[in-house]
Amino acid sequence: MYALSRIGFLTLTTVGSFFVLSSLELPASAEDLPQNLGPVGPDEPIMTEVGAKRVIAWYEPDSDGCAVTAVAWNRSDAGGSSAQGVMIRLGRGRIVHLASAYNIKTLNLRCGDDAATLSIVKDDEHMAFGGTQQPDHP
């Protein structure tokens, strides 16, 4: 993993979120927040929920796989002050597990074998959540 200053990370996630969300048609109320369970291509968002958190994740392909950014915030936080994020590089075919408090719910994101997709997957220990399970491979 690589380190970013808090200001640099917030700037990156703000700008990235703006570009990702600006292409979406947002619903009228917080109850109708959009979901996209993937698989997605580069710079397309995966949007789902993990327990009481909303999550948006996207990636850019790099030479070794996927450079993934994921941001989570409380569903009830309209101002976004609870937002937290992570940036991680995943090798092709590798999975990252993003867990809610106490590991009750886990979001498993997989970088495609050719780094052409990012998808929600299940594994032996955890089940992907947030609607209909998407297949591991097409």
N, C-alpha and C. Protein backbone atom coordinates (compact mmCIF):
# COMPACT_ATOMS: atom_id res chain seq x y z
N MET A 1 0.83 -1.17 0.00
CA MET A 1 0.00 0.00 0.00
C MET A 1 0.88 1.24 0.00
N TYR A 2 0.29 2.36 -0.27
CA TYR A 2 1.04 3.58 -0.30
C TYR A 2 0.34 4.60 0.58
N ALA A 3 1.10 5.53 1.09
CA ALA A 3 0.55 6.50 2.03
C ALA A 3 0.25 7.81 1.32
N LEU A 4 -0.82 8.45 1.74
CA LEU A 4 -1.18 9.78 1.26
C LEU A 4 -1.43 10.65 2.47
N SER A 5 -1.13 11.92 2.37
CA SER A 5 -1.48 12.82 3.45
C SER A 5 -2.99 12.90 3.52
N ARG A 6 -3.52 13.27 4.66
CA ARG A 6 -4.97 13.37 4.84
C ARG A 6 -5.57 14.36 3.85
N ILE A 7 -4.91 15.49 3.65
CA ILE A 7 -5.42 16.49 2.72
C ILE A 7 -5.38 15.96 1.30
N GLY A 8 -4.28 15.30 0.92
CA GLY A 8 -4.16 14.73 -0.41
C GLY A 8 -5.21 13.66 -0.66
N PHE A 9 -5.45 12.82 0.34
CA PHE A 9 -6.44 11.77 0.21
C PHE A 9 -7.83 12.37 0.07
N LEU A 10 -8.16 13.35 0.94
CA LEU A 10 -9.48 13.98 0.86
C LEU A 10 -9.68 14.67 -0.47
N THR A 11 -8.66 15.33 -0.97
CA THR A 11 -8.77 15.99 -2.27
C THR A 11 -9.02 14.96 -3.36
N LEU A 12 -8.24 13.88 -3.35
CA LEU A 12 -8.39 12.84 -4.35
C LEU A 12 -9.77 12.21 -4.30
N THR A 13 -10.24 11.86 -3.11
CA THR A 13 -11.55 11.22 -3.01
C THR A 13 -12.66 12.19 -3.36
N THR A 14 -12.52 13.45 -3.02
CA THR A 14 -13.54 14.44 -3.37
C THR A 14 -13.63 14.61 -4.88
N VAL A 15 -12.48 14.79 -5.52
CA VAL A 15 -12.46 14.96 -6.97
C VAL A 15 -12.96 13.69 -7.66
N GLY A 16 -12.48 12.54 -7.22
CA GLY A 16 -12.92 11.27 -7.81
C GLY A 16 -14.40 11.05 -7.64
N SER A 17 -14.91 11.31 -6.44
CA SER A 17 -16.34 11.15 -6.19
C SER A 17 -17.15 12.09 -7.05
N PHE A 18 -16.68 13.33 -7.23
CA PHE A 18 -17.38 14.29 -8.06
C PHE A 18 -17.53 13.77 -9.48
N PHE A 19 -16.44 13.28 -10.07
CA PHE A 19 -16.50 12.80 -11.45
C PHE A 19 -17.37 11.56 -11.57
N VAL A 20 -17.26 10.65 -10.60
CA VAL A 20 -18.07 9.43 -10.65
C VAL A 20 -19.54 9.77 -10.46
N LEU A 21 -19.86 10.59 -9.47
CA LEU A 21 -21.25 10.89 -9.18
C LEU A 21 -21.88 11.86 -10.16
N SER A 22 -21.07 12.68 -10.82
CA SER A 22 -21.64 13.65 -11.75
C SER A 22 -22.29 12.97 -12.95
N SER A 23 -21.92 11.74 -13.22
CA SER A 23 -22.51 11.03 -14.36
C SER A 23 -23.77 10.26 -13.98
N LEU A 24 -24.15 10.29 -12.71
CA LEU A 24 -25.30 9.53 -12.23
C LEU A 24 -26.52 10.42 -12.09
N GLU A 25 -27.67 9.83 -12.27
CA GLU A 25 -28.91 10.52 -12.00
C GLU A 25 -29.29 10.17 -10.56
N LEU A 26 -29.20 11.14 -9.65
CA LEU A 26 -29.42 10.87 -8.25
C LEU A 26 -30.89 10.88 -7.91
N PRO A 27 -31.32 10.04 -6.95
CA PRO A 27 -32.73 9.95 -6.57
C PRO A 27 -33.15 11.16 -5.73
N ALA A 28 -34.47 11.27 -5.54
CA ALA A 28 -35.03 12.41 -4.82
C ALA A 28 -34.81 12.31 -3.32
N SER A 29 -34.70 11.12 -2.75
CA SER A 29 -34.54 10.99 -1.31
C SER A 29 -33.42 10.03 -0.97
N ALA A 30 -32.95 10.14 0.28
CA ALA A 30 -31.87 9.26 0.73
C ALA A 30 -32.31 7.81 0.79
N GLU A 31 -33.60 7.57 0.89
CA GLU A 31 -34.11 6.20 0.95
C GLU A 31 -33.92 5.48 -0.39
N ASP A 32 -33.82 6.25 -1.47
CA ASP A 32 -33.72 5.68 -2.81
C ASP A 32 -32.33 5.80 -3.39
N LEU A 33 -31.30 5.70 -2.57
CA LEU A 33 -29.93 5.84 -3.06
C LEU A 33 -29.63 4.76 -4.09
N PRO A 34 -28.92 5.11 -5.15
CA PRO A 34 -28.66 4.14 -6.21
C PRO A 34 -27.70 3.04 -5.75
N GLN A 35 -27.82 1.88 -6.38
CA GLN A 35 -26.92 0.76 -6.14
C GLN A 35 -26.34 0.36 -7.48
N ASN A 36 -25.10 -0.02 -7.47
CA ASN A 36 -24.46 -0.62 -8.63
C ASN A 36 -23.54 -1.69 -8.09
N LEU A 37 -23.93 -2.94 -8.28
CA LEU A 37 -23.19 -4.05 -7.69
C LEU A 37 -22.14 -4.64 -8.63
N GLY A 38 -21.99 -4.02 -9.81
CA GLY A 38 -20.94 -4.45 -10.71
C GLY A 38 -21.25 -5.74 -11.41
N PRO A 39 -20.27 -6.28 -12.07
CA PRO A 39 -18.91 -5.77 -12.19
C PRO A 39 -18.87 -4.46 -12.97
N VAL A 40 -17.83 -3.66 -12.69
CA VAL A 40 -17.67 -2.36 -13.33
C VAL A 40 -16.30 -2.29 -14.01
N GLY A 41 -16.21 -1.36 -14.95
CA GLY A 41 -14.95 -1.09 -15.62
C GLY A 41 -14.23 0.05 -14.93
N PRO A 42 -13.09 0.46 -15.45
CA PRO A 42 -12.32 1.55 -14.85
C PRO A 42 -13.15 2.82 -14.69
N ASP A 43 -13.00 3.47 -13.54
CA ASP A 43 -13.66 4.73 -13.20
C ASP A 43 -15.17 4.65 -13.13
N GLU A 44 -15.75 3.47 -13.14
CA GLU A 44 -17.18 3.28 -12.91
C GLU A 44 -17.37 2.90 -11.45
N PRO A 45 -18.43 3.38 -10.78
CA PRO A 45 -18.58 3.12 -9.35
C PRO A 45 -19.33 1.83 -9.03
N ILE A 46 -18.85 1.15 -8.00
CA ILE A 46 -19.65 0.16 -7.30
C ILE A 46 -20.26 0.93 -6.13
N MET A 47 -21.57 0.85 -5.97
CA MET A 47 -22.25 1.55 -4.88
C MET A 47 -23.16 0.56 -4.17
N THR A 48 -22.97 0.46 -2.85
CA THR A 48 -23.75 -0.49 -2.06
C THR A 48 -23.76 -0.05 -0.61
N GLU A 49 -24.23 -0.91 0.27
CA GLU A 49 -24.27 -0.64 1.70
C GLU A 49 -23.55 -1.76 2.45
N VAL A 50 -22.91 -1.38 3.56
CA VAL A 50 -22.27 -2.34 4.47
C VAL A 50 -22.79 -1.99 5.85
N GLY A 51 -23.72 -2.78 6.37
CA GLY A 51 -24.32 -2.43 7.65
C GLY A 51 -24.98 -1.06 7.56
N ALA A 52 -24.58 -0.14 8.43
CA ALA A 52 -25.15 1.22 8.47
C ALA A 52 -24.37 2.19 7.58
N LYS A 53 -23.46 1.71 6.76
CA LYS A 53 -22.62 2.57 5.92
C LYS A 53 -23.01 2.43 4.45
N ARG A 54 -22.86 3.53 3.72
CA ARG A 54 -22.91 3.53 2.26
C ARG A 54 -21.47 3.43 1.78
N VAL A 55 -21.24 2.74 0.68
CA VAL A 55 -19.89 2.57 0.14
C VAL A 55 -19.91 2.87 -1.35
N ILE A 56 -18.91 3.61 -1.78
CA ILE A 56 -18.66 3.79 -3.20
C ILE A 56 -17.21 3.39 -3.44
N ALA A 57 -16.99 2.57 -4.46
CA ALA A 57 -15.63 2.10 -4.77
C ALA A 57 -15.44 2.15 -6.28
N TRP A 58 -14.25 2.51 -6.70
CA TRP A 58 -13.91 2.53 -8.11
C TRP A 58 -12.43 2.21 -8.25
N TYR A 59 -11.98 1.99 -9.47
CA TYR A 59 -10.57 1.65 -9.67
C TYR A 59 -10.06 2.19 -10.99
N GLU A 60 -8.75 2.19 -11.09
CA GLU A 60 -8.05 2.47 -12.34
C GLU A 60 -7.08 1.32 -12.54
N PRO A 61 -6.98 0.79 -13.75
CA PRO A 61 -6.00 -0.27 -13.98
C PRO A 61 -4.58 0.30 -13.89
N ASP A 62 -3.68 -0.50 -13.35
CA ASP A 62 -2.27 -0.13 -13.37
C ASP A 62 -1.49 -1.34 -13.87
N SER A 63 -0.20 -1.24 -13.92
CA SER A 63 0.60 -2.30 -14.54
C SER A 63 0.47 -3.65 -13.83
N ASP A 64 0.16 -3.63 -12.54
CA ASP A 64 0.08 -4.88 -11.79
C ASP A 64 -1.34 -5.31 -11.45
N GLY A 65 -2.34 -4.52 -11.80
CA GLY A 65 -3.71 -4.88 -11.45
C GLY A 65 -4.61 -3.67 -11.34
N CYS A 66 -5.23 -3.48 -10.16
CA CYS A 66 -6.23 -2.44 -9.95
C CYS A 66 -5.82 -1.52 -8.81
N ALA A 67 -5.85 -0.22 -9.06
CA ALA A 67 -5.66 0.77 -8.00
C ALA A 67 -7.06 1.16 -7.54
N VAL A 68 -7.49 0.63 -6.39
CA VAL A 68 -8.86 0.74 -5.89
C VAL A 68 -8.96 1.86 -4.86
N THR A 69 -10.01 2.67 -4.97
CA THR A 69 -10.36 3.66 -3.96
C THR A 69 -11.75 3.31 -3.47
N ALA A 70 -11.95 3.27 -2.15
CA ALA A 70 -13.26 3.00 -1.56
C ALA A 70 -13.51 4.03 -0.47
N VAL A 71 -14.71 4.59 -0.46
CA VAL A 71 -15.11 5.58 0.54
C VAL A 71 -16.41 5.10 1.16
N ALA A 72 -16.48 5.16 2.50
CA ALA A 72 -17.69 4.76 3.24
C ALA A 72 -18.11 5.89 4.16
N TRP A 73 -19.41 6.02 4.38
CA TRP A 73 -19.94 7.03 5.30
C TRP A 73 -21.25 6.52 5.88
N ASN A 74 -21.66 7.11 7.00
CA ASN A 74 -22.92 6.74 7.63
C ASN A 74 -24.08 7.12 6.73
N ARG A 75 -25.04 6.22 6.57
CA ARG A 75 -26.21 6.50 5.72
C ARG A 75 -26.96 7.73 6.19
N SER A 76 -26.97 7.99 7.49
CA SER A 76 -27.72 9.12 8.04
C SER A 76 -26.95 10.44 7.97
N ASP A 77 -25.71 10.42 7.48
CA ASP A 77 -24.85 11.60 7.46
C ASP A 77 -24.96 12.34 6.13
N ALA A 78 -25.90 13.28 6.06
CA ALA A 78 -26.12 14.03 4.81
C ALA A 78 -24.94 14.95 4.49
N GLY A 79 -24.21 15.41 5.51
CA GLY A 79 -23.09 16.32 5.30
C GLY A 79 -21.79 15.64 4.93
N GLY A 80 -21.70 14.34 5.11
CA GLY A 80 -20.50 13.60 4.74
C GLY A 80 -19.35 13.68 5.73
N SER A 81 -19.57 14.20 6.93
CA SER A 81 -18.47 14.34 7.89
C SER A 81 -17.97 13.00 8.43
N SER A 82 -18.73 11.94 8.25
CA SER A 82 -18.30 10.62 8.74
C SER A 82 -17.52 9.83 7.68
N ALA A 83 -17.29 10.42 6.52
CA ALA A 83 -16.63 9.71 5.42
C ALA A 83 -15.21 9.28 5.79
N GLN A 84 -14.91 8.04 5.42
CA GLN A 84 -13.57 7.47 5.58
C GLN A 84 -13.25 6.71 4.31
N GLY A 85 -11.99 6.68 3.95
CA GLY A 85 -11.64 6.00 2.72
C GLY A 85 -10.35 5.22 2.81
N VAL A 86 -10.15 4.42 1.79
CA VAL A 86 -8.93 3.62 1.68
C VAL A 86 -8.55 3.56 0.21
N MET A 87 -7.26 3.55 -0.03
CA MET A 87 -6.73 3.33 -1.38
C MET A 87 -5.80 2.14 -1.29
N ILE A 88 -5.97 1.20 -2.20
CA ILE A 88 -5.17 -0.01 -2.16
C ILE A 88 -4.91 -0.49 -3.59
N ARG A 89 -3.77 -1.09 -3.79
CA ARG A 89 -3.46 -1.72 -5.08
C ARG A 89 -3.69 -3.22 -4.94
N LEU A 90 -4.51 -3.74 -5.82
CA LEU A 90 -4.80 -5.17 -5.84
C LEU A 90 -4.16 -5.78 -7.07
N GLY A 91 -3.47 -6.90 -6.88
CA GLY A 91 -2.97 -7.63 -8.03
C GLY A 91 -4.12 -8.24 -8.80
N ARG A 92 -3.89 -8.55 -10.05
CA ARG A 92 -4.93 -9.16 -10.88
C ARG A 92 -5.44 -10.44 -10.23
N GLY A 93 -6.77 -10.55 -10.13
CA GLY A 93 -7.40 -11.73 -9.53
C GLY A 93 -7.45 -11.71 -8.01
N ARG A 94 -6.89 -10.70 -7.37
CA ARG A 94 -6.85 -10.63 -5.90
C ARG A 94 -8.11 -9.99 -5.34
N ILE A 95 -8.42 -10.30 -4.06
CA ILE A 95 -9.62 -9.82 -3.37
C ILE A 95 -9.23 -9.02 -2.15
N VAL A 96 -9.92 -7.90 -1.91
CA VAL A 96 -9.79 -7.15 -0.67
C VAL A 96 -11.11 -7.29 0.08
N HIS A 97 -11.03 -7.45 1.41
CA HIS A 97 -12.20 -7.58 2.26
C HIS A 97 -12.35 -6.30 3.06
N LEU A 98 -13.44 -5.57 2.85
CA LEU A 98 -13.75 -4.36 3.60
C LEU A 98 -14.84 -4.71 4.59
N ALA A 99 -14.53 -4.63 5.88
CA ALA A 99 -15.45 -5.11 6.92
C ALA A 99 -16.13 -3.98 7.65
N SER A 100 -17.37 -4.24 8.08
CA SER A 100 -18.07 -3.31 8.95
C SER A 100 -17.57 -3.54 10.37
N ALA A 101 -18.07 -2.75 11.31
CA ALA A 101 -17.66 -2.89 12.70
C ALA A 101 -17.88 -4.33 13.16
N TYR A 102 -16.93 -4.86 13.88
CA TYR A 102 -16.98 -6.21 14.44
C TYR A 102 -17.08 -7.30 13.38
N ASN A 103 -16.70 -6.98 12.12
CA ASN A 103 -16.72 -7.97 11.04
C ASN A 103 -18.09 -8.59 10.80
N ILE A 104 -19.16 -7.86 11.11
CA ILE A 104 -20.51 -8.40 10.94
C ILE A 104 -20.84 -8.54 9.46
N LYS A 105 -20.51 -7.54 8.67
CA LYS A 105 -20.73 -7.57 7.22
C LYS A 105 -19.41 -7.28 6.53
N THR A 106 -19.17 -7.91 5.41
CA THR A 106 -17.93 -7.71 4.67
C THR A 106 -18.24 -7.51 3.19
N LEU A 107 -17.59 -6.52 2.62
CA LEU A 107 -17.67 -6.28 1.18
C LEU A 107 -16.38 -6.80 0.58
N ASN A 108 -16.48 -7.73 -0.34
CA ASN A 108 -15.32 -8.34 -0.97
C ASN A 108 -15.23 -7.84 -2.40
N LEU A 109 -14.15 -7.12 -2.71
CA LEU A 109 -13.95 -6.58 -4.05
C LEU A 109 -12.81 -7.33 -4.73
N ARG A 110 -13.03 -7.75 -5.97
CA ARG A 110 -12.03 -8.53 -6.71
C ARG A 110 -11.61 -7.78 -7.97
N CYS A 111 -10.31 -7.67 -8.16
CA CYS A 111 -9.74 -7.14 -9.39
C CYS A 111 -9.77 -8.26 -10.42
N GLY A 112 -10.33 -8.01 -11.59
CA GLY A 112 -10.43 -9.03 -12.63
C GLY A 112 -9.07 -9.55 -13.05
N ASP A 113 -9.05 -10.74 -13.61
CA ASP A 113 -7.80 -11.37 -14.02
C ASP A 113 -7.02 -10.51 -15.00
N ASP A 114 -7.73 -9.75 -15.82
CA ASP A 114 -7.07 -8.88 -16.79
C ASP A 114 -7.13 -7.42 -16.39
N ALA A 115 -7.52 -7.13 -15.15
CA ALA A 115 -7.68 -5.77 -14.61
C ALA A 115 -8.69 -4.96 -15.41
N ALA A 116 -9.61 -5.63 -16.11
CA ALA A 116 -10.63 -4.94 -16.88
C ALA A 116 -11.90 -4.70 -16.08
N THR A 117 -12.01 -5.34 -14.89
CA THR A 117 -13.21 -5.19 -14.08
C THR A 117 -12.87 -5.18 -12.59
N LEU A 118 -13.80 -4.61 -11.82
CA LEU A 118 -13.81 -4.71 -10.36
C LEU A 118 -15.19 -5.23 -10.03
N SER A 119 -15.27 -6.25 -9.17
CA SER A 119 -16.57 -6.84 -8.89
C SER A 119 -16.70 -7.23 -7.43
N ILE A 120 -17.95 -7.32 -6.98
CA ILE A 120 -18.27 -7.84 -5.65
C ILE A 120 -18.32 -9.35 -5.78
N VAL A 121 -17.63 -10.04 -4.89
CA VAL A 121 -17.59 -11.51 -4.95
C VAL A 121 -17.79 -12.10 -3.56
N LYS A 122 -18.02 -13.39 -3.54
CA LYS A 122 -18.06 -14.11 -2.28
C LYS A 122 -16.80 -14.95 -2.18
N ASP A 123 -16.47 -15.35 -0.95
CA ASP A 123 -15.35 -16.28 -0.78
C ASP A 123 -15.79 -17.35 0.21
N ASP A 124 -14.87 -18.20 0.64
CA ASP A 124 -15.23 -19.31 1.51
C ASP A 124 -15.73 -18.87 2.88
N GLU A 125 -15.23 -17.74 3.39
CA GLU A 125 -15.58 -17.33 4.74
C GLU A 125 -16.67 -16.25 4.80
N HIS A 126 -16.77 -15.43 3.77
CA HIS A 126 -17.67 -14.29 3.80
C HIS A 126 -18.58 -14.31 2.57
N MET A 127 -19.78 -13.80 2.73
CA MET A 127 -20.70 -13.68 1.61
C MET A 127 -20.80 -12.23 1.21
N ALA A 128 -20.73 -11.95 -0.05
CA ALA A 128 -20.96 -10.58 -0.52
C ALA A 128 -22.41 -10.22 -0.22
N PHE A 129 -22.69 -8.95 -0.07
CA PHE A 129 -24.01 -8.51 0.35
C PHE A 129 -24.44 -7.33 -0.48
N GLY A 130 -25.64 -6.84 -0.17
CA GLY A 130 -26.14 -5.63 -0.83
C GLY A 130 -26.92 -5.97 -2.08
N GLY A 131 -27.92 -6.82 -1.97
CA GLY A 131 -28.74 -7.12 -3.15
C GLY A 131 -28.38 -8.48 -3.72
N THR A 132 -28.63 -8.63 -5.00
CA THR A 132 -28.40 -9.88 -5.67
C THR A 132 -26.91 -10.15 -5.84
N GLN A 133 -26.49 -11.36 -5.50
CA GLN A 133 -25.09 -11.75 -5.65
C GLN A 133 -24.72 -11.79 -7.12
N GLN A 134 -23.63 -11.16 -7.47
CA GLN A 134 -23.12 -11.18 -8.83
C GLN A 134 -22.19 -12.37 -9.01
N PRO A 135 -22.12 -12.95 -10.19
CA PRO A 135 -21.21 -14.09 -10.40
C PRO A 135 -19.76 -13.65 -10.30
N ASP A 136 -18.90 -14.59 -9.86
CA ASP A 136 -17.48 -14.32 -9.74
C ASP A 136 -16.86 -14.04 -11.10
N HIS A 137 -17.24 -14.79 -12.09
CA HIS A 137 -16.71 -14.63 -13.45
C HIS A 137 -17.87 -14.70 -14.42
N PRO A 138 -17.78 -13.96 -15.51
CA PRO A 138 -18.86 -14.03 -16.52
C PRO A 138 -18.93 -15.38 -17.19
